[in-house]
Amino acid sequence: VNSEGVVTAQQLRDAMSDDVALVSVMVA
């Protein structure tokens, strides 16, 4: 997470590929 304690959309995009079955990230 960043200094604010959250994951950004760009961070997820950089980690994604077609082999991912599930992304699990909390709402709050």
mmCIF file of all heavy atoms, coordinates in Angstrom:
data_MODEL
# 
_entry.id   MODEL 
# 
loop_
_atom_site.group_PDB 
_atom_site.id 
_atom_site.type_symbol 
_atom_site.label_atom_id 
_atom_site.label_alt_id 
_atom_site.label_comp_id 
_atom_site.label_asym_id 
_atom_site.label_entity_id 
_atom_site.label_seq_id 
_atom_site.pdbx_PDB_ins_code 
_atom_site.Cartn_x 
_atom_site.Cartn_y 
_atom_site.Cartn_z 
_atom_site.occupancy 
_atom_site.B_iso_or_equiv 
_atom_site.pdbx_formal_charge 
_atom_site.auth_seq_id 
_atom_site.auth_comp_id 
_atom_site.auth_asym_id 
_atom_site.auth_atom_id 
_atom_site.pdbx_PDB_model_num 
ATOM 1   N N   . VAL A 1 1  ? 0.847   -1.191  0.000   1.00 0.00 ? 1  VAL A N   1 
ATOM 2   C CA  . VAL A 1 1  ? 0.000   0.000   0.000   1.00 0.00 ? 1  VAL A CA  1 
ATOM 3   C C   . VAL A 1 1  ? 0.881   1.239   0.000   1.00 0.00 ? 1  VAL A C   1 
ATOM 4   O O   . VAL A 1 1  ? 2.052   1.189   0.363   1.00 0.00 ? 1  VAL A O   1 
ATOM 5   C CB  . VAL A 1 1  ? -0.948  0.022   1.219   1.00 0.00 ? 1  VAL A CB  1 
ATOM 6   C CG1 . VAL A 1 1  ? -1.977  -1.096  1.112   1.00 0.00 ? 1  VAL A CG1 1 
ATOM 7   C CG2 . VAL A 1 1  ? -0.167  -0.088  2.531   1.00 0.00 ? 1  VAL A CG2 1 
ATOM 8   N N   . ASN A 1 2  ? 0.279   2.362   -0.405  1.00 0.00 ? 2  ASN A N   1 
ATOM 9   C CA  . ASN A 1 2  ? 1.032   3.617   -0.402  1.00 0.00 ? 2  ASN A CA  1 
ATOM 10  C C   . ASN A 1 2  ? 1.011   4.242   0.988   1.00 0.00 ? 2  ASN A C   1 
ATOM 11  O O   . ASN A 1 2  ? 0.517   3.643   1.950   1.00 0.00 ? 2  ASN A O   1 
ATOM 12  C CB  . ASN A 1 2  ? 0.484   4.574   -1.469  1.00 0.00 ? 2  ASN A CB  1 
ATOM 13  C CG  . ASN A 1 2  ? -0.982  4.941   -1.243  1.00 0.00 ? 2  ASN A CG  1 
ATOM 14  O OD1 . ASN A 1 2  ? -1.519  4.794   -0.145  1.00 0.00 ? 2  ASN A OD1 1 
ATOM 15  N ND2 . ASN A 1 2  ? -1.630  5.441   -2.286  1.00 0.00 ? 2  ASN A ND2 1 
ATOM 16  N N   . SER A 1 3  ? 1.529   5.451   1.114   1.00 0.00 ? 3  SER A N   1 
ATOM 17  C CA  . SER A 1 3  ? 1.636   6.094   2.428   1.00 0.00 ? 3  SER A CA  1 
ATOM 18  C C   . SER A 1 3  ? 0.276   6.391   3.054   1.00 0.00 ? 3  SER A C   1 
ATOM 19  O O   . SER A 1 3  ? 0.176   6.596   4.260   1.00 0.00 ? 3  SER A O   1 
ATOM 20  C CB  . SER A 1 3  ? 2.441   7.393   2.311   1.00 0.00 ? 3  SER A CB  1 
ATOM 21  O OG  . SER A 1 3  ? 1.799   8.293   1.412   1.00 0.00 ? 3  SER A OG  1 
ATOM 22  N N   . GLU A 1 4  ? -0.778  6.383   2.226   1.00 0.00 ? 4  GLU A N   1 
ATOM 23  C CA  . GLU A 1 4  ? -2.128  6.590   2.735   1.00 0.00 ? 4  GLU A CA  1 
ATOM 24  C C   . GLU A 1 4  ? -2.768  5.270   3.182   1.00 0.00 ? 4  GLU A C   1 
ATOM 25  O O   . GLU A 1 4  ? -3.859  5.263   3.743   1.00 0.00 ? 4  GLU A O   1 
ATOM 26  C CB  . GLU A 1 4  ? -3.002  7.234   1.646   1.00 0.00 ? 4  GLU A CB  1 
ATOM 27  C CG  . GLU A 1 4  ? -2.689  8.693   1.386   1.00 0.00 ? 4  GLU A CG  1 
ATOM 28  C CD  . GLU A 1 4  ? -3.331  9.603   2.418   1.00 0.00 ? 4  GLU A CD  1 
ATOM 29  O OE1 . GLU A 1 4  ? -4.565  9.694   2.439   1.00 0.00 ? 4  GLU A OE1 1 
ATOM 30  O OE2 . GLU A 1 4  ? -2.584  10.203  3.209   1.00 0.00 ? 4  GLU A OE2 1 
ATOM 31  N N   . GLY A 1 5  ? -2.093  4.161   2.877   1.00 0.00 ? 5  GLY A N   1 
ATOM 32  C CA  . GLY A 1 5  ? -2.603  2.862   3.299   1.00 0.00 ? 5  GLY A CA  1 
ATOM 33  C C   . GLY A 1 5  ? -3.545  2.201   2.328   1.00 0.00 ? 5  GLY A C   1 
ATOM 34  O O   . GLY A 1 5  ? -4.305  1.310   2.711   1.00 0.00 ? 5  GLY A O   1 
ATOM 35  N N   . VAL A 1 6  ? -3.507  2.599   1.032   1.00 0.00 ? 6  VAL A N   1 
ATOM 36  C CA  . VAL A 1 6  ? -4.397  1.988   0.043   1.00 0.00 ? 6  VAL A CA  1 
ATOM 37  C C   . VAL A 1 6  ? -3.600  1.478   -1.152  1.00 0.00 ? 6  VAL A C   1 
ATOM 38  O O   . VAL A 1 6  ? -2.460  1.879   -1.386  1.00 0.00 ? 6  VAL A O   1 
ATOM 39  C CB  . VAL A 1 6  ? -5.490  2.972   -0.445  1.00 0.00 ? 6  VAL A CB  1 
ATOM 40  C CG1 . VAL A 1 6  ? -6.391  3.391   0.699   1.00 0.00 ? 6  VAL A CG1 1 
ATOM 41  C CG2 . VAL A 1 6  ? -4.883  4.172   -1.133  1.00 0.00 ? 6  VAL A CG2 1 
ATOM 42  N N   . VAL A 1 7  ? -4.245  0.610   -1.919  1.00 0.00 ? 7  VAL A N   1 
ATOM 43  C CA  . VAL A 1 7  ? -3.703  0.114   -3.183  1.00 0.00 ? 7  VAL A CA  1 
ATOM 44  C C   . VAL A 1 7  ? -4.287  0.975   -4.300  1.00 0.00 ? 7  VAL A C   1 
ATOM 45  O O   . VAL A 1 7  ? -5.482  1.263   -4.307  1.00 0.00 ? 7  VAL A O   1 
ATOM 46  C CB  . VAL A 1 7  ? -4.083  -1.366  -3.392  1.00 0.00 ? 7  VAL A CB  1 
ATOM 47  C CG1 . VAL A 1 7  ? -3.809  -1.800  -4.828  1.00 0.00 ? 7  VAL A CG1 1 
ATOM 48  C CG2 . VAL A 1 7  ? -3.323  -2.257  -2.418  1.00 0.00 ? 7  VAL A CG2 1 
ATOM 49  N N   . THR A 1 8  ? -3.459  1.385   -5.235  1.00 0.00 ? 8  THR A N   1 
ATOM 50  C CA  . THR A 1 8  ? -3.944  2.193   -6.357  1.00 0.00 ? 8  THR A CA  1 
ATOM 51  C C   . THR A 1 8  ? -4.309  1.306   -7.539  1.00 0.00 ? 8  THR A C   1 
ATOM 52  O O   . THR A 1 8  ? -3.850  0.161   -7.650  1.00 0.00 ? 8  THR A O   1 
ATOM 53  C CB  . THR A 1 8  ? -2.878  3.205   -6.809  1.00 0.00 ? 8  THR A CB  1 
ATOM 54  O OG1 . THR A 1 8  ? -1.757  2.489   -7.361  1.00 0.00 ? 8  THR A OG1 1 
ATOM 55  C CG2 . THR A 1 8  ? -2.418  4.073   -5.639  1.00 0.00 ? 8  THR A CG2 1 
ATOM 56  N N   . ALA A 1 9  ? -5.109  1.874   -8.427  1.00 0.00 ? 9  ALA A N   1 
ATOM 57  C CA  . ALA A 1 9  ? -5.509  1.144   -9.628  1.00 0.00 ? 9  ALA A CA  1 
ATOM 58  C C   . ALA A 1 9  ? -4.295  0.784   -10.482 1.00 0.00 ? 9  ALA A C   1 
ATOM 59  O O   . ALA A 1 9  ? -4.223  -0.318  -11.043 1.00 0.00 ? 9  ALA A O   1 
ATOM 60  C CB  . ALA A 1 9  ? -6.513  1.986   -10.426 1.00 0.00 ? 9  ALA A CB  1 
ATOM 61  N N   . GLN A 1 10 ? -3.327  1.684   -10.558 1.00 0.00 ? 10 GLN A N   1 
ATOM 62  C CA  . GLN A 1 10 ? -2.143  1.414   -11.372 1.00 0.00 ? 10 GLN A CA  1 
ATOM 63  C C   . GLN A 1 10 ? -1.321  0.267   -10.799 1.00 0.00 ? 10 GLN A C   1 
ATOM 64  O O   . GLN A 1 10 ? -0.767  -0.547  -11.555 1.00 0.00 ? 10 GLN A O   1 
ATOM 65  C CB  . GLN A 1 10 ? -1.276  2.668   -11.482 1.00 0.00 ? 10 GLN A CB  1 
ATOM 66  C CG  . GLN A 1 10 ? -0.134  2.542   -12.496 1.00 0.00 ? 10 GLN A CG  1 
ATOM 67  C CD  . GLN A 1 10 ? -0.628  2.233   -13.902 1.00 0.00 ? 10 GLN A CD  1 
ATOM 68  O OE1 . GLN A 1 10 ? -1.522  2.898   -14.416 1.00 0.00 ? 10 GLN A OE1 1 
ATOM 69  N NE2 . GLN A 1 10 ? -0.063  1.197   -14.522 1.00 0.00 ? 10 GLN A NE2 1 
ATOM 70  N N   . GLN A 1 11 ? -1.244  0.183   -9.489  1.00 0.00 ? 11 GLN A N   1 
ATOM 71  C CA  . GLN A 1 11 ? -0.525  -0.933  -8.862  1.00 0.00 ? 11 GLN A CA  1 
ATOM 72  C C   . GLN A 1 11 ? -1.137  -2.267  -9.274  1.00 0.00 ? 11 GLN A C   1 
ATOM 73  O O   . GLN A 1 11 ? -0.414  -3.218  -9.601  1.00 0.00 ? 11 GLN A O   1 
ATOM 74  C CB  . GLN A 1 11 ? -0.594  -0.821  -7.339  1.00 0.00 ? 11 GLN A CB  1 
ATOM 75  C CG  . GLN A 1 11 ? 0.377   0.145   -6.705  1.00 0.00 ? 11 GLN A CG  1 
ATOM 76  C CD  . GLN A 1 11 ? 0.183   0.182   -5.202  1.00 0.00 ? 11 GLN A CD  1 
ATOM 77  O OE1 . GLN A 1 11 ? -0.742  0.832   -4.697  1.00 0.00 ? 11 GLN A OE1 1 
ATOM 78  N NE2 . GLN A 1 11 ? 1.021   -0.527  -4.473  1.00 0.00 ? 11 GLN A NE2 1 
ATOM 79  N N   . LEU A 1 12 ? -2.454  -2.338  -9.253  1.00 0.00 ? 12 LEU A N   1 
ATOM 80  C CA  . LEU A 1 12 ? -3.112  -3.589  -9.636  1.00 0.00 ? 12 LEU A CA  1 
ATOM 81  C C   . LEU A 1 12 ? -2.879  -3.879  -11.114 1.00 0.00 ? 12 LEU A C   1 
ATOM 82  O O   . LEU A 1 12 ? -2.558  -5.017  -11.481 1.00 0.00 ? 12 LEU A O   1 
ATOM 83  C CB  . LEU A 1 12 ? -4.602  -3.529  -9.337  1.00 0.00 ? 12 LEU A CB  1 
ATOM 84  C CG  . LEU A 1 12 ? -5.402  -4.778  -9.750  1.00 0.00 ? 12 LEU A CG  1 
ATOM 85  C CD1 . LEU A 1 12 ? -4.864  -6.023  -9.049  1.00 0.00 ? 12 LEU A CD1 1 
ATOM 86  C CD2 . LEU A 1 12 ? -6.885  -4.610  -9.464  1.00 0.00 ? 12 LEU A CD2 1 
ATOM 87  N N   . ARG A 1 13 ? -3.019  -2.866  -11.948 1.00 0.00 ? 13 ARG A N   1 
ATOM 88  C CA  . ARG A 1 13 ? -2.828  -3.078  -13.392 1.00 0.00 ? 13 ARG A CA  1 
ATOM 89  C C   . ARG A 1 13 ? -1.424  -3.616  -13.678 1.00 0.00 ? 13 ARG A C   1 
ATOM 90  O O   . ARG A 1 13 ? -1.249  -4.514  -14.508 1.00 0.00 ? 13 ARG A O   1 
ATOM 91  C CB  . ARG A 1 13 ? -3.079  -1.774  -14.151 1.00 0.00 ? 13 ARG A CB  1 
ATOM 92  C CG  . ARG A 1 13 ? -3.033  -1.940  -15.670 1.00 0.00 ? 13 ARG A CG  1 
ATOM 93  C CD  . ARG A 1 13 ? -3.400  -0.662  -16.387 1.00 0.00 ? 13 ARG A CD  1 
ATOM 94  N NE  . ARG A 1 13 ? -4.777  -0.265  -16.166 1.00 0.00 ? 13 ARG A NE  1 
ATOM 95  C CZ  . ARG A 1 13 ? -5.820  -0.801  -16.787 1.00 0.00 ? 13 ARG A CZ  1 
ATOM 96  N NH1 . ARG A 1 13 ? -5.632  -1.792  -17.663 1.00 0.00 ? 13 ARG A NH1 1 
ATOM 97  N NH2 . ARG A 1 13 ? -7.030  -0.375  -16.540 1.00 0.00 ? 13 ARG A NH2 1 
ATOM 98  N N   . ASP A 1 14 ? -0.443  -3.075  -12.993 1.00 0.00 ? 14 ASP A N   1 
ATOM 99  C CA  . ASP A 1 14 ? 0.938   -3.520  -13.209 1.00 0.00 ? 14 ASP A CA  1 
ATOM 100 C C   . ASP A 1 14 ? 1.147   -4.977  -12.802 1.00 0.00 ? 14 ASP A C   1 
ATOM 101 O O   . ASP A 1 14 ? 2.062   -5.644  -13.311 1.00 0.00 ? 14 ASP A O   1 
ATOM 102 C CB  . ASP A 1 14 ? 1.908   -2.636  -12.420 1.00 0.00 ? 14 ASP A CB  1 
ATOM 103 C CG  . ASP A 1 14 ? 1.987   -1.211  -12.968 1.00 0.00 ? 14 ASP A CG  1 
ATOM 104 O OD1 . ASP A 1 14 ? 1.551   -0.980  -14.108 1.00 0.00 ? 14 ASP A OD1 1 
ATOM 105 O OD2 . ASP A 1 14 ? 2.477   -0.324  -12.231 1.00 0.00 ? 14 ASP A OD2 1 
ATOM 106 N N   . ALA A 1 15 ? 0.316   -5.473  -11.886 1.00 0.00 ? 15 ALA A N   1 
ATOM 107 C CA  . ALA A 1 15 ? 0.480   -6.843  -11.382 1.00 0.00 ? 15 ALA A CA  1 
ATOM 108 C C   . ALA A 1 15 ? -0.377  -7.858  -12.127 1.00 0.00 ? 15 ALA A C   1 
ATOM 109 O O   . ALA A 1 15 ? -0.184  -9.067  -11.963 1.00 0.00 ? 15 ALA A O   1 
ATOM 110 C CB  . ALA A 1 15 ? 0.133   -6.892  -9.894  1.00 0.00 ? 15 ALA A CB  1 
ATOM 111 N N   . MET A 1 16 ? -1.308  -7.383  -12.944 1.00 0.00 ? 16 MET A N   1 
ATOM 112 C CA  . MET A 1 16 ? -2.280  -8.286  -13.563 1.00 0.00 ? 16 MET A CA  1 
ATOM 113 C C   . MET A 1 16 ? -1.713  -9.024  -14.775 1.00 0.00 ? 16 MET A C   1 
ATOM 114 O O   . MET A 1 16 ? -0.831  -8.536  -15.474 1.00 0.00 ? 16 MET A O   1 
ATOM 115 C CB  . MET A 1 16 ? -3.519  -7.504  -14.008 1.00 0.00 ? 16 MET A CB  1 
ATOM 116 C CG  . MET A 1 16 ? -4.432  -7.054  -12.883 1.00 0.00 ? 16 MET A CG  1 
ATOM 117 S SD  . MET A 1 16 ? -5.144  -8.416  -11.903 1.00 0.00 ? 16 MET A SD  1 
ATOM 118 C CE  . MET A 1 16 ? -6.036  -9.348  -13.151 1.00 0.00 ? 16 MET A CE  1 
ATOM 119 N N   . SER A 1 17 ? -2.251  -10.219 -15.001 1.00 0.00 ? 17 SER A N   1 
ATOM 120 C CA  . SER A 1 17 ? -2.015  -10.990 -16.223 1.00 0.00 ? 17 SER A CA  1 
ATOM 121 C C   . SER A 1 17 ? -3.158  -11.991 -16.342 1.00 0.00 ? 17 SER A C   1 
ATOM 122 O O   . SER A 1 17 ? -4.007  -12.106 -15.442 1.00 0.00 ? 17 SER A O   1 
ATOM 123 C CB  . SER A 1 17 ? -0.657  -11.707 -16.177 1.00 0.00 ? 17 SER A CB  1 
ATOM 124 O OG  . SER A 1 17 ? -0.612  -12.616 -15.090 1.00 0.00 ? 17 SER A OG  1 
ATOM 125 N N   . ASP A 1 18 ? -3.182  -12.719 -17.433 1.00 0.00 ? 18 ASP A N   1 
ATOM 126 C CA  . ASP A 1 18 ? -4.301  -13.629 -17.690 1.00 0.00 ? 18 ASP A CA  1 
ATOM 127 C C   . ASP A 1 18 ? -4.311  -14.854 -16.784 1.00 0.00 ? 18 ASP A C   1 
ATOM 128 O O   . ASP A 1 18 ? -5.270  -15.627 -16.802 1.00 0.00 ? 18 ASP A O   1 
ATOM 129 C CB  . ASP A 1 18 ? -4.277  -14.092 -19.152 1.00 0.00 ? 18 ASP A CB  1 
ATOM 130 C CG  . ASP A 1 18 ? -4.553  -12.953 -20.125 1.00 0.00 ? 18 ASP A CG  1 
ATOM 131 O OD1 . ASP A 1 18 ? -5.175  -11.958 -19.691 1.00 0.00 ? 18 ASP A OD1 1 
ATOM 132 O OD2 . ASP A 1 18 ? -4.136  -13.048 -21.294 1.00 0.00 ? 18 ASP A OD2 1 
ATOM 133 N N   . ASP A 1 19 ? -3.244  -15.044 -15.982 1.00 0.00 ? 19 ASP A N   1 
ATOM 134 C CA  . ASP A 1 19 ? -3.198  -16.223 -15.117 1.00 0.00 ? 19 ASP A CA  1 
ATOM 135 C C   . ASP A 1 19 ? -3.818  -15.967 -13.741 1.00 0.00 ? 19 ASP A C   1 
ATOM 136 O O   . ASP A 1 19 ? -3.809  -16.842 -12.874 1.00 0.00 ? 19 ASP A O   1 
ATOM 137 C CB  . ASP A 1 19 ? -1.764  -16.724 -14.949 1.00 0.00 ? 19 ASP A CB  1 
ATOM 138 C CG  . ASP A 1 19 ? -0.855  -15.713 -14.239 1.00 0.00 ? 19 ASP A CG  1 
ATOM 139 O OD1 . ASP A 1 19 ? -1.307  -14.576 -13.979 1.00 0.00 ? 19 ASP A OD1 1 
ATOM 140 O OD2 . ASP A 1 19 ? 0.313   -16.069 -13.962 1.00 0.00 ? 19 ASP A OD2 1 
ATOM 141 N N   . VAL A 1 20 ? -4.370  -14.772 -13.520 1.00 0.00 ? 20 VAL A N   1 
ATOM 142 C CA  . VAL A 1 20 ? -4.952  -14.427 -12.218 1.00 0.00 ? 20 VAL A CA  1 
ATOM 143 C C   . VAL A 1 20 ? -6.387  -14.945 -12.135 1.00 0.00 ? 20 VAL A C   1 
ATOM 144 O O   . VAL A 1 20 ? -7.232  -14.620 -12.971 1.00 0.00 ? 20 VAL A O   1 
ATOM 145 C CB  . VAL A 1 20 ? -4.927  -12.902 -11.984 1.00 0.00 ? 20 VAL A CB  1 
ATOM 146 C CG1 . VAL A 1 20 ? -5.599  -12.566 -10.652 1.00 0.00 ? 20 VAL A CG1 1 
ATOM 147 C CG2 . VAL A 1 20 ? -3.500  -12.386 -12.004 1.00 0.00 ? 20 VAL A CG2 1 
ATOM 148 N N   . ALA A 1 21 ? -6.649  -15.744 -11.113 1.00 0.00 ? 21 ALA A N   1 
ATOM 149 C CA  . ALA A 1 21 ? -7.994  -16.272 -10.900 1.00 0.00 ? 21 ALA A CA  1 
ATOM 150 C C   . ALA A 1 21 ? -8.859  -15.313 -10.098 1.00 0.00 ? 21 ALA A C   1 
ATOM 151 O O   . ALA A 1 21 ? -10.051 -15.155 -10.371 1.00 0.00 ? 21 ALA A O   1 
ATOM 152 C CB  . ALA A 1 21 ? -7.915  -17.616 -10.169 1.00 0.00 ? 21 ALA A CB  1 
ATOM 153 N N   . LEU A 1 22 ? -8.253  -14.691 -9.079  1.00 0.00 ? 22 LEU A N   1 
ATOM 154 C CA  . LEU A 1 22 ? -9.018  -13.873 -8.142  1.00 0.00 ? 22 LEU A CA  1 
ATOM 155 C C   . LEU A 1 22 ? -8.192  -12.693 -7.669  1.00 0.00 ? 22 LEU A C   1 
ATOM 156 O O   . LEU A 1 22 ? -7.012  -12.835 -7.366  1.00 0.00 ? 22 LEU A O   1 
ATOM 157 C CB  . LEU A 1 22 ? -9.432  -14.712 -6.921  1.00 0.00 ? 22 LEU A CB  1 
ATOM 158 C CG  . LEU A 1 22 ? -10.169 -13.985 -5.790  1.00 0.00 ? 22 LEU A CG  1 
ATOM 159 C CD1 . LEU A 1 22 ? -11.591 -13.614 -6.222  1.00 0.00 ? 22 LEU A CD1 1 
ATOM 160 C CD2 . LEU A 1 22 ? -10.219 -14.856 -4.526  1.00 0.00 ? 22 LEU A CD2 1 
ATOM 161 N N   . VAL A 1 23 ? -8.849  -11.541 -7.593  1.00 0.00 ? 23 VAL A N   1 
ATOM 162 C CA  . VAL A 1 23 ? -8.294  -10.381 -6.903  1.00 0.00 ? 23 VAL A CA  1 
ATOM 163 C C   . VAL A 1 23 ? -9.192  -10.121 -5.702  1.00 0.00 ? 23 VAL A C   1 
ATOM 164 O O   . VAL A 1 23 ? -10.410 -10.027 -5.839  1.00 0.00 ? 23 VAL A O   1 
ATOM 165 C CB  . VAL A 1 23 ? -8.244  -9.130  -7.803  1.00 0.00 ? 23 VAL A CB  1 
ATOM 166 C CG1 . VAL A 1 23 ? -7.729  -7.928  -7.015  1.00 0.00 ? 23 VAL A CG1 1 
ATOM 167 C CG2 . VAL A 1 23 ? -7.379  -9.383  -9.037  1.00 0.00 ? 23 VAL A CG2 1 
ATOM 168 N N   . SER A 1 24 ? -8.601  -10.043 -4.521  1.00 0.00 ? 24 SER A N   1 
ATOM 169 C CA  . SER A 1 24 ? -9.373  -9.777  -3.303  1.00 0.00 ? 24 SER A CA  1 
ATOM 170 C C   . SER A 1 24 ? -8.764  -8.585  -2.577  1.00 0.00 ? 24 SER A C   1 
ATOM 171 O O   . SER A 1 24 ? -7.674  -8.679  -2.019  1.00 0.00 ? 24 SER A O   1 
ATOM 172 C CB  . SER A 1 24 ? -9.377  -11.004 -2.377  1.00 0.00 ? 24 SER A CB  1 
ATOM 173 O OG  . SER A 1 24 ? -10.159 -10.749 -1.226  1.00 0.00 ? 24 SER A OG  1 
ATOM 174 N N   . VAL A 1 25 ? -9.472  -7.459  -2.617  1.00 0.00 ? 25 VAL A N   1 
ATOM 175 C CA  . VAL A 1 25 ? -9.033  -6.227  -1.960  1.00 0.00 ? 25 VAL A CA  1 
ATOM 176 C C   . VAL A 1 25 ? -10.230 -5.632  -1.229  1.00 0.00 ? 25 VAL A C   1 
ATOM 177 O O   . VAL A 1 25 ? -11.313 -5.483  -1.801  1.00 0.00 ? 25 VAL A O   1 
ATOM 178 C CB  . VAL A 1 25 ? -8.460  -5.207  -2.964  1.00 0.00 ? 25 VAL A CB  1 
ATOM 179 C CG1 . VAL A 1 25 ? -8.048  -3.918  -2.243  1.00 0.00 ? 25 VAL A CG1 1 
ATOM 180 C CG2 . VAL A 1 25 ? -7.272  -5.796  -3.723  1.00 0.00 ? 25 VAL A CG2 1 
ATOM 181 N N   . MET A 1 26 ? -10.047 -5.279  0.014   1.00 0.00 ? 26 MET A N   1 
ATOM 182 C CA  . MET A 1 26 ? -11.135 -4.790  0.865   1.00 0.00 ? 26 MET A CA  1 
ATOM 183 C C   . MET A 1 26 ? -11.706 -3.454  0.379   1.00 0.00 ? 26 MET A C   1 
ATOM 184 O O   . MET A 1 26 ? -11.040 -2.699  -0.325  1.00 0.00 ? 26 MET A O   1 
ATOM 185 C CB  . MET A 1 26 ? -10.638 -4.654  2.303   1.00 0.00 ? 26 MET A CB  1 
ATOM 186 C CG  . MET A 1 26 ? -9.420  -3.765  2.429   1.00 0.00 ? 26 MET A CG  1 
ATOM 187 S SD  . MET A 1 26 ? -8.723  -3.572  4.098   1.00 0.00 ? 26 MET A SD  1 
ATOM 188 C CE  . MET A 1 26 ? -8.991  -5.090  4.909   1.00 0.00 ? 26 MET A CE  1 
ATOM 189 N N   . VAL A 1 27 ? -12.939 -3.164  0.799   1.00 0.00 ? 27 VAL A N   1 
ATOM 190 C CA  . VAL A 1 27 ? -13.547 -1.869  0.497   1.00 0.00 ? 27 VAL A CA  1 
ATOM 191 C C   . VAL A 1 27 ? -12.969 -0.796  1.410   1.00 0.00 ? 27 VAL A C   1 
ATOM 192 O O   . VAL A 1 27 ? -12.613 0.297   0.964   1.00 0.00 ? 27 VAL A O   1 
ATOM 193 C CB  . VAL A 1 27 ? -15.080 -1.914  0.656   1.00 0.00 ? 27 VAL A CB  1 
ATOM 194 C CG1 . VAL A 1 27 ? -15.700 -0.554  0.306   1.00 0.00 ? 27 VAL A CG1 1 
ATOM 195 C CG2 . VAL A 1 27 ? -15.697 -3.002  -0.211  1.00 0.00 ? 27 VAL A CG2 1 
ATOM 196 N N   . ALA A 1 28 ? -12.899 -1.092  2.700   1.00 0.00 ? 28 ALA A N   1 
ATOM 197 C CA  . ALA A 1 28 ? -12.344 -0.149  3.678   1.00 0.00 ? 28 ALA A CA  1 
ATOM 198 C C   . ALA A 1 28 ? -11.540 -0.936  4.699   1.00 0.00 ? 28 ALA A C   1 
ATOM 199 O O   . ALA A 1 28 ? -11.939 -2.030  5.104   1.00 0.00 ? 28 ALA A O   1 
ATOM 200 C CB  . ALA A 1 28 ? -13.451 0.642   4.364   1.00 0.00 ? 28 ALA A CB  1 
# 
